[in-house]
Amino acid sequence: MADAEPGSLHALVLEQLDEDQAQEIVSIPLEGRSSIADHLIIASGRSTRQVASIAQKLSEKIKQAGHGPVRLEGLPAADWVLVDAGDVVVHLFRPEVRSFYNLERMWAFGEAPPAAAGNA
């Protein structure tokens, strides 16, 4: 997991995800690579109930810490919930849904080898 500056929104999010027992937490730094956010965090919950609970608790924690408004998308289905806190965007998935969309690979920006495109 990426180092987070103590007291930052990024650190708060990572701590809360760990506290709520999110699984396979991945933090991708986007600063200078994308204008959407400074950090993209991807994590899994074991069930739709846990994904929803993690998202709601995270949203409340961010608001209580004074880090501004938070947008939640994907509730109540909770297969995939987006938590948009401005500088930090969190994608919470059920494991099967996370495997299907494979956001880590999409955001690798050349850090991972490209898929074979065939010989032209």
PDB file of N, CA and C in Angstrom:
ATOM      1  N   MET A   1       0.845  -1.170   0.000  1.00  0.00           N
ATOM      2  CA  MET A   1       0.000   0.000   0.000  1.00  0.00           C
ATOM      3  C   MET A   1       0.890   1.233   0.000  1.00  0.00           C
ATOM      4  N   ALA A   2       0.451   2.266  -0.679  1.00  0.00           N
ATOM      5  CA  ALA A   2       1.242   3.490  -0.807  1.00  0.00           C
ATOM      6  C   ALA A   2       1.350   4.214   0.526  1.00  0.00           C
ATOM      7  N   ASP A   3       2.487   4.916   0.717  1.00  0.00           N
ATOM      8  CA  ASP A   3       2.651   5.744   1.901  1.00  0.00           C
ATOM      9  C   ASP A   3       1.698   6.916   1.796  1.00  0.00           C
ATOM     10  N   ALA A   4       1.097   7.270   2.918  1.00  0.00           N
ATOM     11  CA  ALA A   4       0.174   8.394   2.942  1.00  0.00           C
ATOM     12  C   ALA A   4       0.651   9.390   3.987  1.00  0.00           C
ATOM     13  N   GLU A   5       0.584  10.671   3.645  1.00  0.00           N
ATOM     14  CA  GLU A   5       0.991  11.717   4.566  1.00  0.00           C
ATOM     15  C   GLU A   5       0.053  11.715   5.767  1.00  0.00           C
ATOM     16  N   PRO A   6       0.595  11.594   6.991  1.00  0.00           N
ATOM     17  CA  PRO A   6      -0.260  11.569   8.179  1.00  0.00           C
ATOM     18  C   PRO A   6      -1.178  12.789   8.226  1.00  0.00           C
ATOM     19  N   GLY A   7      -2.447  12.543   8.556  1.00  0.00           N
ATOM     20  CA  GLY A   7      -3.420  13.617   8.653  1.00  0.00           C
ATOM     21  C   GLY A   7      -4.084  13.975   7.334  1.00  0.00           C
ATOM     22  N   SER A   8      -3.611  13.400   6.233  1.00  0.00           N
ATOM     23  CA  SER A   8      -4.187  13.708   4.919  1.00  0.00           C
ATOM     24  C   SER A   8      -5.481  12.913   4.710  1.00  0.00           C
ATOM     25  N   LEU A   9      -6.265  13.354   3.748  1.00  0.00           N
ATOM     26  CA  LEU A   9      -7.480  12.622   3.377  1.00  0.00           C
ATOM     27  C   LEU A   9      -7.113  11.209   2.928  1.00  0.00           C
ATOM     28  N   HIS A  10      -6.025  11.084   2.186  1.00  0.00           N
ATOM     29  CA  HIS A  10      -5.551   9.780   1.706  1.00  0.00           C
ATOM     30  C   HIS A  10      -5.281   8.843   2.894  1.00  0.00           C
ATOM     31  N   ALA A  11      -4.577   9.352   3.901  1.00  0.00           N
ATOM     32  CA  ALA A  11      -4.271   8.538   5.091  1.00  0.00           C
ATOM     33  C   ALA A  11      -5.547   8.156   5.832  1.00  0.00           C
ATOM     34  N   LEU A  12      -6.469   9.098   5.973  1.00  0.00           N
ATOM     35  CA  LEU A  12      -7.729   8.836   6.660  1.00  0.00           C
ATOM     36  C   LEU A  12      -8.496   7.721   5.968  1.00  0.00           C
ATOM     37  N   VAL A  13      -8.564   7.779   4.655  1.00  0.00           N
ATOM     38  CA  VAL A  13      -9.288   6.766   3.889  1.00  0.00           C
ATOM     39  C   VAL A  13      -8.634   5.400   4.065  1.00  0.00           C
ATOM     40  N   LEU A  14      -7.311   5.331   3.933  1.00  0.00           N
ATOM     41  CA  LEU A  14      -6.610   4.047   4.082  1.00  0.00           C
ATOM     42  C   LEU A  14      -6.802   3.469   5.480  1.00  0.00           C
ATOM     43  N   GLU A  15      -6.725   4.320   6.505  1.00  0.00           N
ATOM     44  CA  GLU A  15      -6.917   3.854   7.885  1.00  0.00           C
ATOM     45  C   GLU A  15      -8.326   3.314   8.090  1.00  0.00           C
ATOM     46  N   GLN A  16      -9.330   4.030   7.566  1.00  0.00           N
ATOM     47  CA  GLN A  16     -10.718   3.597   7.740  1.00  0.00           C
ATOM     48  C   GLN A  16     -10.989   2.290   7.003  1.00  0.00           C
ATOM     49  N   LEU A  17     -10.447   2.153   5.792  1.00  0.00           N
ATOM     50  CA  LEU A  17     -10.624   0.904   5.044  1.00  0.00           C
ATOM     51  C   LEU A  17     -10.015  -0.269   5.803  1.00  0.00           C
ATOM     52  N   ASP A  18      -8.835  -0.043   6.381  1.00  0.00           N
ATOM     53  CA  ASP A  18      -8.177  -1.092   7.161  1.00  0.00           C
ATOM     54  C   ASP A  18      -9.007  -1.428   8.402  1.00  0.00           C
ATOM     55  N   GLU A  19      -9.495  -0.403   9.080  1.00  0.00           N
ATOM     56  CA  GLU A  19     -10.304  -0.600  10.290  1.00  0.00           C
ATOM     57  C   GLU A  19     -11.578  -1.387   9.983  1.00  0.00           C
ATOM     58  N   ASP A  20     -12.173  -1.137   8.819  1.00  0.00           N
ATOM     59  CA  ASP A  20     -13.408  -1.817   8.431  1.00  0.00           C
ATOM     60  C   ASP A  20     -13.159  -3.153   7.729  1.00  0.00           C
ATOM     61  N   GLN A  21     -11.925  -3.602   7.748  1.00  0.00           N
ATOM     62  CA  GLN A  21     -11.527  -4.904   7.218  1.00  0.00           C
ATOM     63  C   GLN A  21     -11.783  -5.063   5.723  1.00  0.00           C
ATOM     64  N   ALA A  22     -11.579  -3.961   4.982  1.00  0.00           N
ATOM     65  CA  ALA A  22     -11.623  -4.064   3.521  1.00  0.00           C
ATOM     66  C   ALA A  22     -10.452  -4.959   3.105  1.00  0.00           C
ATOM     67  N   GLN A  23     -10.614  -5.641   1.994  1.00  0.00           N
ATOM     68  CA  GLN A  23      -9.597  -6.578   1.539  1.00  0.00           C
ATOM     69  C   GLN A  23      -8.902  -6.060   0.290  1.00  0.00           C
ATOM     70  N   GLU A  24      -7.657  -6.501   0.111  1.00  0.00           N
ATOM     71  CA  GLU A  24      -6.868  -6.204  -1.091  1.00  0.00           C
ATOM     72  C   GLU A  24      -6.914  -4.709  -1.438  1.00  0.00           C
ATOM     73  N   ILE A  25      -6.504  -3.882  -0.489  1.00  0.00           N
ATOM     74  CA  ILE A  25      -6.510  -2.438  -0.681  1.00  0.00           C
ATOM     75  C   ILE A  25      -5.328  -2.033  -1.565  1.00  0.00           C
ATOM     76  N   VAL A  26      -5.638  -1.340  -2.659  1.00  0.00           N
ATOM     77  CA  VAL A  26      -4.612  -0.874  -3.591  1.00  0.00           C
ATOM     78  C   VAL A  26      -4.785   0.640  -3.747  1.00  0.00           C
ATOM     79  N   SER A  27      -3.693   1.378  -3.584  1.00  0.00           N
ATOM     80  CA  SER A  27      -3.726   2.828  -3.765  1.00  0.00           C
ATOM     81  C   SER A  27      -2.870   3.180  -4.968  1.00  0.00           C
ATOM     82  N   ILE A  28      -3.468   3.884  -5.923  1.00  0.00           N
ATOM     83  CA  ILE A  28      -2.778   4.267  -7.145  1.00  0.00           C
ATOM     84  C   ILE A  28      -2.633   5.788  -7.157  1.00  0.00           C
ATOM     85  N   PRO A  29      -1.390   6.285  -7.139  1.00  0.00           N
ATOM     86  CA  PRO A  29      -1.202   7.738  -7.186  1.00  0.00           C
ATOM     87  C   PRO A  29      -1.534   8.273  -8.579  1.00  0.00           C
ATOM     88  N   LEU A  30      -2.367   9.305  -8.629  1.00  0.00           N
ATOM     89  CA  LEU A  30      -2.769   9.876  -9.911  1.00  0.00           C
ATOM     90  C   LEU A  30      -2.257  11.299 -10.112  1.00  0.00           C
ATOM     91  N   GLU A  31      -1.670  11.874  -9.068  1.00  0.00           N
ATOM     92  CA  GLU A  31      -1.207  13.256  -9.155  1.00  0.00           C
ATOM     93  C   GLU A  31      -0.256  13.405 -10.337  1.00  0.00           C
ATOM     94  N   GLY A  32      -0.561  14.342 -11.215  1.00  0.00           N
ATOM     95  CA  GLY A  32       0.263  14.564 -12.398  1.00  0.00           C
ATOM     96  C   GLY A  32      -0.065  13.628 -13.550  1.00  0.00           C
ATOM     97  N   ARG A  33      -0.913  12.632 -13.319  1.00  0.00           N
ATOM     98  CA  ARG A  33      -1.270  11.681 -14.368  1.00  0.00           C
ATOM     99  C   ARG A  33      -2.725  11.800 -14.781  1.00  0.00           C
ATOM    100  N   SER A  34      -3.554  12.362 -13.897  1.00  0.00           N
ATOM    101  CA  SER A  34      -4.969  12.509 -14.184  1.00  0.00           C
ATOM    102  C   SER A  34      -5.522  13.680 -13.393  1.00  0.00           C
ATOM    103  N   SER A  35      -6.522  14.333 -13.951  1.00  0.00           N
ATOM    104  CA  SER A  35      -7.130  15.455 -13.241  1.00  0.00           C
ATOM    105  C   SER A  35      -8.318  15.019 -12.392  1.00  0.00           C
ATOM    106  N   ILE A  36      -8.679  13.742 -12.402  1.00  0.00           N
ATOM    107  CA  ILE A  36      -9.851  13.288 -11.642  1.00  0.00           C
ATOM    108  C   ILE A  36      -9.609  13.379 -10.148  1.00  0.00           C
ATOM    109  N   ALA A  37      -8.437  12.966  -9.699  1.00  0.00           N
ATOM    110  CA  ALA A  37      -8.125  12.925  -8.266  1.00  0.00           C
ATOM    111  C   ALA A  37      -6.622  12.773  -8.102  1.00  0.00           C
ATOM    112  N   ASP A  38      -6.154  12.921  -6.863  1.00  0.00           N
ATOM    113  CA  ASP A  38      -4.731  12.694  -6.571  1.00  0.00           C
ATOM    114  C   ASP A  38      -4.454  11.223  -6.276  1.00  0.00           C
ATOM    115  N   HIS A  39      -5.482  10.516  -5.773  1.00  0.00           N
ATOM    116  CA  HIS A  39      -5.326   9.093  -5.425  1.00  0.00           C
ATOM    117  C   HIS A  39      -6.579   8.330  -5.815  1.00  0.00           C
ATOM    118  N   LEU A  40      -6.374   7.143  -6.367  1.00  0.00           N
ATOM    119  CA  LEU A  40      -7.446   6.206  -6.667  1.00  0.00           C
ATOM    120  C   LEU A  40      -7.199   4.999  -5.774  1.00  0.00           C
ATOM    121  N   ILE A  41      -8.188   4.649  -4.977  1.00  0.00           N
ATOM    122  CA  ILE A  41      -8.046   3.505  -4.081  1.00  0.00           C
ATOM    123  C   ILE A  41      -9.083   2.464  -4.474  1.00  0.00           C
ATOM    124  N   ILE A  42      -8.638   1.228  -4.584  1.00  0.00           N
ATOM    125  CA  ILE A  42      -9.505   0.115  -4.938  1.00  0.00           C
ATOM    126  C   ILE A  42      -9.432  -0.897  -3.802  1.00  0.00           C
ATOM    127  N   ALA A  43     -10.596  -1.360  -3.356  1.00  0.00           N
ATOM    128  CA  ALA A  43     -10.642  -2.335  -2.264  1.00  0.00           C
ATOM    129  C   ALA A  43     -11.860  -3.237  -2.441  1.00  0.00           C
ATOM    130  N   SER A  44     -11.851  -4.344  -1.736  1.00  0.00           N
ATOM    131  CA  SER A  44     -12.957  -5.301  -1.816  1.00  0.00           C
ATOM    132  C   SER A  44     -13.584  -5.510  -0.452  1.00  0.00           C
ATOM    133  N   GLY A  45     -14.854  -5.879  -0.513  1.00  0.00           N
ATOM    134  CA  GLY A  45     -15.571  -6.342   0.670  1.00  0.00           C
ATOM    135  C   GLY A  45     -16.043  -7.758   0.372  1.00  0.00           C
ATOM    136  N   ARG A  46     -16.304  -8.531   1.392  1.00  0.00           N
ATOM    137  CA  ARG A  46     -16.667  -9.937   1.193  1.00  0.00           C
ATOM    138  C   ARG A  46     -18.084 -10.129   0.646  1.00  0.00           C
ATOM    139  N   SER A  47     -18.956  -9.133   0.845  1.00  0.00           N
ATOM    140  CA  SER A  47     -20.350  -9.259   0.430  1.00  0.00           C
ATOM    141  C   SER A  47     -20.904  -7.878   0.113  1.00  0.00           C
ATOM    142  N   THR A  48     -22.090  -7.834  -0.493  1.00  0.00           N
ATOM    143  CA  THR A  48     -22.714  -6.540  -0.762  1.00  0.00           C
ATOM    144  C   THR A  48     -22.972  -5.802   0.548  1.00  0.00           C
ATOM    145  N   ARG A  49     -23.339  -6.512   1.582  1.00  0.00           N
ATOM    146  CA  ARG A  49     -23.590  -5.876   2.884  1.00  0.00           C
ATOM    147  C   ARG A  49     -22.320  -5.209   3.421  1.00  0.00           C
ATOM    148  N   GLN A  50     -21.182  -5.904   3.330  1.00  0.00           N
ATOM    149  CA  GLN A  50     -19.940  -5.318   3.820  1.00  0.00           C
ATOM    150  C   GLN A  50     -19.493  -4.149   2.932  1.00  0.00           C
ATOM    151  N   VAL A  51     -19.637  -4.261   1.624  1.00  0.00           N
ATOM    152  CA  VAL A  51     -19.273  -3.170   0.719  1.00  0.00           C
ATOM    153  C   VAL A  51     -20.086  -1.925   1.063  1.00  0.00           C
ATOM    154  N   ALA A  52     -21.392  -2.084   1.250  1.00  0.00           N
ATOM    155  CA  ALA A  52     -22.263  -0.955   1.589  1.00  0.00           C
ATOM    156  C   ALA A  52     -21.874  -0.349   2.930  1.00  0.00           C
ATOM    157  N   SER A  53     -21.603  -1.185   3.903  1.00  0.00           N
ATOM    158  CA  SER A  53     -21.228  -0.717   5.236  1.00  0.00           C
ATOM    159  C   SER A  53     -19.908   0.058   5.206  1.00  0.00           C
ATOM    160  N   ILE A  54     -18.923  -0.481   4.504  1.00  0.00           N
ATOM    161  CA  ILE A  54     -17.621   0.196   4.382  1.00  0.00           C
ATOM    162  C   ILE A  54     -17.817   1.570   3.735  1.00  0.00           C
ATOM    163  N   ALA A  55     -18.593   1.623   2.660  1.00  0.00           N
ATOM    164  CA  ALA A  55     -18.812   2.880   1.937  1.00  0.00           C
ATOM    165  C   ALA A  55     -19.492   3.917   2.821  1.00  0.00           C
ATOM    166  N   GLN A  56     -20.520   3.509   3.537  1.00  0.00           N
ATOM    167  CA  GLN A  56     -21.253   4.448   4.381  1.00  0.00           C
ATOM    168  C   GLN A  56     -20.406   4.947   5.546  1.00  0.00           C
ATOM    169  N   LYS A  57     -19.672   4.048   6.189  1.00  0.00           N
ATOM    170  CA  LYS A  57     -18.805   4.451   7.303  1.00  0.00           C
ATOM    171  C   LYS A  57     -17.687   5.375   6.811  1.00  0.00           C
ATOM    172  N   LEU A  58     -17.123   5.057   5.658  1.00  0.00           N
ATOM    173  CA  LEU A  58     -16.053   5.872   5.093  1.00  0.00           C
ATOM    174  C   LEU A  58     -16.566   7.280   4.780  1.00  0.00           C
ATOM    175  N   SER A  59     -17.736   7.349   4.184  1.00  0.00           N
ATOM    176  CA  SER A  59     -18.336   8.640   3.862  1.00  0.00           C
ATOM    177  C   SER A  59     -18.531   9.484   5.124  1.00  0.00           C
ATOM    178  N   GLU A  60     -19.061   8.875   6.180  1.00  0.00           N
ATOM    179  CA  GLU A  60     -19.281   9.588   7.450  1.00  0.00           C
ATOM    180  C   GLU A  60     -17.968  10.052   8.068  1.00  0.00           C
ATOM    181  N   LYS A  61     -16.967   9.193   8.051  1.00  0.00           N
ATOM    182  CA  LYS A  61     -15.661   9.525   8.625  1.00  0.00           C
ATOM    183  C   LYS A  61     -15.032  10.717   7.895  1.00  0.00           C
ATOM    184  N   ILE A  62     -15.131  10.724   6.570  1.00  0.00           N
ATOM    185  CA  ILE A  62     -14.574  11.817   5.771  1.00  0.00           C
ATOM    186  C   ILE A  62     -15.285  13.123   6.104  1.00  0.00           C
ATOM    187  N   LYS A  63     -16.611  13.072   6.199  1.00  0.00           N
ATOM    188  CA  LYS A  63     -17.392  14.272   6.530  1.00  0.00           C
ATOM    189  C   LYS A  63     -17.060  14.776   7.931  1.00  0.00           C
ATOM    190  N   GLN A  64     -16.971  13.859   8.905  1.00  0.00           N
ATOM    191  CA  GLN A  64     -16.664  14.236  10.290  1.00  0.00           C
ATOM    192  C   GLN A  64     -15.290  14.884  10.401  1.00  0.00           C
ATOM    193  N   ALA A  65     -14.360  14.457   9.550  1.00  0.00           N
ATOM    194  CA  ALA A  65     -13.000  14.997   9.588  1.00  0.00           C
ATOM    195  C   ALA A  65     -12.911  16.344   8.861  1.00  0.00           C
ATOM    196  N   GLY A  66     -14.029  16.794   8.286  1.00  0.00           N
ATOM    197  CA  GLY A  66     -14.050  18.096   7.629  1.00  0.00           C
ATOM    198  C   GLY A  66     -13.436  18.122   6.253  1.00  0.00           C
ATOM    199  N   HIS A  67     -13.420  16.984   5.583  1.00  0.00           N
ATOM    200  CA  HIS A  67     -12.820  16.914   4.242  1.00  0.00           C
ATOM    201  C   HIS A  67     -13.849  17.143   3.140  1.00  0.00           C
ATOM    202  N   GLY A  68     -14.909  17.841   3.465  1.00  0.00           N
ATOM    203  CA  GLY A  68     -15.859  18.256   2.431  1.00  0.00           C
ATOM    204  C   GLY A  68     -16.915  17.233   2.097  1.00  0.00           C
ATOM    205  N   PRO A  69     -17.702  17.546   1.071  1.00  0.00           N
ATOM    206  CA  PRO A  69     -18.792  16.649   0.678  1.00  0.00           C
ATOM    207  C   PRO A  69     -18.255  15.364   0.043  1.00  0.00           C
ATOM    208  N   VAL A  70     -19.045  14.321   0.179  1.00  0.00           N
ATOM    209  CA  VAL A  70     -18.685  13.018  -0.377  1.00  0.00           C
ATOM    210  C   VAL A  70     -19.859  12.536  -1.212  1.00  0.00           C
ATOM    211  N   ARG A  71     -19.572  12.068  -2.421  1.00  0.00           N
ATOM    212  CA  ARG A  71     -20.618  11.481  -3.262  1.00  0.00           C
ATOM    213  C   ARG A  71     -20.490   9.970  -3.226  1.00  0.00           C
ATOM    214  N   LEU A  72     -21.619   9.303  -3.029  1.00  0.00           N
ATOM    215  CA  LEU A  72     -21.668   7.840  -3.059  1.00  0.00           C
ATOM    216  C   LEU A  72     -22.522   7.422  -4.246  1.00  0.00           C
ATOM    217  N   GLU A  73     -22.020   6.500  -5.034  1.00  0.00           N
ATOM    218  CA  GLU A  73     -22.800   5.939  -6.133  1.00  0.00           C
ATOM    219  C   GLU A  73     -22.698   4.422  -6.069  1.00  0.00           C
ATOM    220  N   GLY A  74     -23.817   3.752  -6.334  1.00  0.00           N
ATOM    221  CA  GLY A  74     -23.816   2.292  -6.349  1.00  0.00           C
ATOM    222  C   GLY A  74     -24.587   1.663  -5.207  1.00  0.00           C
ATOM    223  N   LEU A  75     -25.119   2.484  -4.320  1.00  0.00           N
ATOM    224  CA  LEU A  75     -25.969   1.951  -3.253  1.00  0.00           C
ATOM    225  C   LEU A  75     -27.407   1.980  -3.756  1.00  0.00           C
ATOM    226  N   PRO A  76     -28.277   1.099  -3.373  1.00  0.00           N
ATOM    227  CA  PRO A  76     -28.125   0.046  -2.389  1.00  0.00           C
ATOM    228  C   PRO A  76     -27.612  -1.280  -2.947  1.00  0.00           C
ATOM    229  N   ALA A  77     -27.461  -1.413  -4.274  1.00  0.00           N
ATOM    230  CA  ALA A  77     -27.027  -2.695  -4.842  1.00  0.00           C
ATOM    231  C   ALA A  77     -25.686  -3.144  -4.266  1.00  0.00           C
ATOM    232  N   ALA A  78     -24.724  -2.223  -4.176  1.00  0.00           N
ATOM    233  CA  ALA A  78     -23.432  -2.437  -3.517  1.00  0.00           C
ATOM    234  C   ALA A  78     -22.564  -3.554  -4.101  1.00  0.00           C
ATOM    235  N   ASP A  79     -22.714  -3.842  -5.397  1.00  0.00           N
ATOM    236  CA  ASP A  79     -21.748  -4.725  -6.052  1.00  0.00           C
ATOM    237  C   ASP A  79     -20.469  -3.936  -6.295  1.00  0.00           C
ATOM    238  N   TRP A  80     -20.660  -2.643  -6.613  1.00  0.00           N
ATOM    239  CA  TRP A  80     -19.554  -1.720  -6.882  1.00  0.00           C
ATOM    240  C   TRP A  80     -20.011  -0.353  -6.394  1.00  0.00           C
ATOM    241  N   VAL A  81     -19.336   0.180  -5.394  1.00  0.00           N
ATOM    242  CA  VAL A  81     -19.694   1.491  -4.856  1.00  0.00           C
ATOM    243  C   VAL A  81     -18.528   2.445  -5.076  1.00  0.00           C
ATOM    244  N   LEU A  82     -18.852   3.618  -5.609  1.00  0.00           N
ATOM    245  CA  LEU A  82     -17.877   4.668  -5.817  1.00  0.00           C
ATOM    246  C   LEU A  82     -18.031   5.682  -4.696  1.00  0.00           C
ATOM    247  N   VAL A  83     -16.925   5.983  -4.027  1.00  0.00           N
ATOM    248  CA  VAL A  83     -16.894   7.005  -2.984  1.00  0.00           C
ATOM    249  C   VAL A  83     -16.002   8.120  -3.522  1.00  0.00           C
ATOM    250  N   ASP A  84     -16.614   9.246  -3.877  1.00  0.00           N
ATOM    251  CA  ASP A  84     -15.873  10.363  -4.455  1.00  0.00           C
ATOM    252  C   ASP A  84     -15.699  11.436  -3.390  1.00  0.00           C
ATOM    253  N   ALA A  85     -14.476  11.558  -2.886  1.00  0.00           N
ATOM    254  CA  ALA A  85     -14.172  12.550  -1.854  1.00  0.00           C
ATOM    255  C   ALA A  85     -13.295  13.662  -2.424  1.00  0.00           C
ATOM    256  N   GLY A  86     -13.369  13.872  -3.717  1.00  0.00           N
ATOM    257  CA  GLY A  86     -12.587  14.938  -4.346  1.00  0.00           C
ATOM    258  C   GLY A  86     -11.184  14.491  -4.698  1.00  0.00           C
ATOM    259  N   ASP A  87     -10.215  14.758  -3.812  1.00  0.00           N
ATOM    260  CA  ASP A  87      -8.820  14.395  -4.089  1.00  0.00           C
ATOM    261  C   ASP A  87      -8.574  12.890  -4.015  1.00  0.00           C
ATOM    262  N   VAL A  88      -9.489  12.174  -3.368  1.00  0.00           N
ATOM    263  CA  VAL A  88      -9.366  10.717  -3.249  1.00  0.00           C
ATOM    264  C   VAL A  88     -10.670  10.085  -3.733  1.00  0.00           C
ATOM    265  N   VAL A  89     -10.542   9.151  -4.676  1.00  0.00           N
ATOM    266  CA  VAL A  89     -11.691   8.411  -5.188  1.00  0.00           C
ATOM    267  C   VAL A  89     -11.493   6.950  -4.814  1.00  0.00           C
ATOM    268  N   VAL A  90     -12.538   6.357  -4.234  1.00  0.00           N
ATOM    269  CA  VAL A  90     -12.457   4.972  -3.774  1.00  0.00           C
ATOM    270  C   VAL A  90     -13.476   4.123  -4.530  1.00  0.00           C
ATOM    271  N   HIS A  91     -13.007   2.996  -5.037  1.00  0.00           N
ATOM    272  CA  HIS A  91     -13.894   2.013  -5.665  1.00  0.00           C
ATOM    273  C   HIS A  91     -13.930   0.802  -4.736  1.00  0.00           C
ATOM    274  N   LEU A  92     -15.119   0.461  -4.262  1.00  0.00           N
ATOM    275  CA  LEU A  92     -15.303  -0.709  -3.397  1.00  0.00           C
ATOM    276  C   LEU A  92     -16.099  -1.756  -4.171  1.00  0.00           C
ATOM    277  N   PHE A  93     -15.606  -2.973  -4.179  1.00  0.00           N
ATOM    278  CA  PHE A  93     -16.212  -4.040  -4.971  1.00  0.00           C
ATOM    279  C   PHE A  93     -16.460  -5.302  -4.158  1.00  0.00           C
ATOM    280  N   ARG A  94     -17.412  -6.101  -4.643  1.00  0.00           N
ATOM    281  CA  ARG A  94     -17.430  -7.517  -4.279  1.00  0.00           C
ATOM    282  C   ARG A  94     -16.312  -8.143  -5.107  1.00  0.00           C
ATOM    283  N   PRO A  95     -15.633  -9.187  -4.608  1.00  0.00           N
ATOM    284  CA  PRO A  95     -14.475  -9.744  -5.323  1.00  0.00           C
ATOM    285  C   PRO A  95     -14.735 -10.131  -6.786  1.00  0.00           C
ATOM    286  N   GLU A  96     -15.900 -10.743  -7.073  1.00  0.00           N
ATOM    287  CA  GLU A  96     -16.176 -11.179  -8.448  1.00  0.00           C
ATOM    288  C   GLU A  96     -16.305  -9.984  -9.387  1.00  0.00           C
ATOM    289  N   VAL A  97     -16.922  -8.919  -8.899  1.00  0.00           N
ATOM    290  CA  VAL A  97     -17.113  -7.725  -9.714  1.00  0.00           C
ATOM    291  C   VAL A  97     -15.773  -7.028  -9.941  1.00  0.00           C
ATOM    292  N   ARG A  98     -14.944  -7.017  -8.917  1.00  0.00           N
ATOM    293  CA  ARG A  98     -13.619  -6.414  -9.045  1.00  0.00           C
ATOM    294  C   ARG A  98     -12.790  -7.148 -10.093  1.00  0.00           C
ATOM    295  N   SER A  99     -12.835  -8.460 -10.079  1.00  0.00           N
ATOM    296  CA  SER A  99     -12.093  -9.258 -11.072  1.00  0.00           C
ATOM    297  C   SER A  99     -12.580  -8.960 -12.483  1.00  0.00           C
ATOM    298  N   PHE A 100     -13.883  -8.828 -12.640  1.00  0.00           N
ATOM    299  CA  PHE A 100     -14.465  -8.583 -13.956  1.00  0.00           C
ATOM    300  C   PHE A 100     -13.989  -7.254 -14.541  1.00  0.00           C
ATOM    301  N   TYR A 101     -14.043  -6.181 -13.737  1.00  0.00           N
ATOM    302  CA  TYR A 101     -13.690  -4.855 -14.249  1.00  0.00           C
ATOM    303  C   TYR A 101     -12.191  -4.581 -14.250  1.00  0.00           C
ATOM    304  N   ASN A 102     -11.457  -5.194 -13.352  1.00  0.00           N
ATOM    305  CA  ASN A 102      -9.993  -5.121 -13.309  1.00  0.00           C
ATOM    306  C   ASN A 102      -9.456  -3.690 -13.465  1.00  0.00           C
ATOM    307  N   LEU A 103      -9.937  -2.781 -12.609  1.00  0.00           N
ATOM    308  CA  LEU A 103      -9.528  -1.379 -12.678  1.00  0.00           C
ATOM    309  C   LEU A 103      -8.030  -1.184 -12.462  1.00  0.00           C
ATOM    310  N   GLU A 104      -7.414  -2.035 -11.655  1.00  0.00           N
ATOM    311  CA  GLU A 104      -5.979  -1.894 -11.417  1.00  0.00           C
ATOM    312  C   GLU A 104      -5.214  -1.919 -12.732  1.00  0.00           C
ATOM    313  N   ARG A 105      -5.594  -2.805 -13.608  1.00  0.00           N
ATOM    314  CA  ARG A 105      -4.901  -2.917 -14.891  1.00  0.00           C
ATOM    315  C   ARG A 105      -5.170  -1.695 -15.757  1.00  0.00           C
ATOM    316  N   MET A 106      -6.420  -1.222 -15.755  1.00  0.00           N
ATOM    317  CA  MET A 106      -6.776  -0.066 -16.571  1.00  0.00           C
ATOM    318  C   MET A 106      -5.982   1.168 -16.148  1.00  0.00           C
ATOM    319  N   TRP A 107      -5.725   1.320 -14.842  1.00  0.00           N
ATOM    320  CA  TRP A 107      -5.042   2.506 -14.331  1.00  0.00           C
ATOM    321  C   TRP A 107      -3.539   2.316 -14.204  1.00  0.00           C
ATOM    322  N   ALA A 108      -3.001   1.210 -14.699  1.00  0.00           N
ATOM    323  CA  ALA A 108      -1.570   0.952 -14.566  1.00  0.00           C
ATOM    324  C   ALA A 108      -0.722   1.911 -15.407  1.00  0.00           C
ATOM    325  N   PHE A 109      -1.279   2.495 -16.452  1.00  0.00           N
ATOM    326  CA  PHE A 109      -0.573   3.474 -17.293  1.00  0.00           C
ATOM    327  C   PHE A 109       0.817   2.995 -17.727  1.00  0.00           C
ATOM    328  N   GLY A 110       0.886   1.802 -18.263  1.00  0.00           N
ATOM    329  CA  GLY A 110       2.160   1.331 -18.773  1.00  0.00           C
ATOM    330  C   GLY A 110       3.023   0.658 -17.727  1.00  0.00           C
ATOM    331  N   GLU A 111       2.589   0.622 -16.484  1.00  0.00           N
ATOM    332  CA  GLU A 111       3.371  -0.057 -15.444  1.00  0.00           C
ATOM    333  C   GLU A 111       3.226  -1.570 -15.585  1.00  0.00           C
ATOM    334  N   ALA A 112       2.150  -1.996 -16.230  1.00  0.00           N
ATOM    335  CA  ALA A 112       1.941  -3.425 -16.465  1.00  0.00           C
ATOM    336  C   ALA A 112       2.086  -3.659 -17.969  1.00  0.00           C
ATOM    337  N   PRO A 113       2.534  -4.837 -18.351  1.00  0.00           N
ATOM    338  CA  PRO A 113       2.670  -5.106 -19.785  1.00  0.00           C
ATOM    339  C   PRO A 113       1.312  -5.078 -20.469  1.00  0.00           C
ATOM    340  N   PRO A 114       1.227  -4.566 -21.697  1.00  0.00           N
ATOM    341  CA  PRO A 114      -0.045  -4.530 -22.410  1.00  0.00           C
ATOM    342  C   PRO A 114      -0.503  -5.945 -22.775  1.00  0.00           C
ATOM    343  N   ALA A 115      -1.801  -6.085 -22.953  1.00  0.00           N
ATOM    344  CA  ALA A 115      -2.349  -7.384 -23.358  1.00  0.00           C
ATOM    345  C   ALA A 115      -1.876  -7.676 -24.785  1.00  0.00           C
ATOM    346  N   ALA A 116      -1.709  -8.929 -25.093  1.00  0.00           N
ATOM    347  CA  ALA A 116      -1.277  -9.297 -26.435  1.00  0.00           C
ATOM    348  C   ALA A 116      -2.301  -8.847 -27.449  1.00  0.00           C
ATOM    349  N   ALA A 117      -1.876  -8.104 -28.442  1.00  0.00           N
ATOM    350  CA  ALA A 117      -2.790  -7.569 -29.449  1.00  0.00           C
ATOM    351  C   ALA A 117      -2.738  -8.396 -30.728  1.00  0.00           C
ATOM    352  N   GLY A 118      -1.969  -9.435 -30.711  1.00  0.00           N
ATOM    353  CA  GLY A 118      -1.827 -10.258 -31.912  1.00  0.00           C
ATOM    354  C   GLY A 118      -0.717  -9.722 -32.806  1.00  0.00           C
ATOM    355  N   ASN A 119      -0.300 -10.498 -33.724  1.00  0.00           N
ATOM    356  CA  ASN A 119       0.765 -10.066 -34.633  1.00  0.00           C
ATOM    357  C   ASN A 119       0.175  -9.448 -35.870  1.00  0.00           C
ATOM    358  N   ALA A 120       0.562  -8.222 -36.174  1.00  0.00           N
ATOM    359  CA  ALA A 120       0.014  -7.540 -37.354  1.00  0.00           C
ATOM    360  C   ALA A 120       0.984  -7.599 -38.501  1.00  0.00           C
TER     361      ALA A 120
END
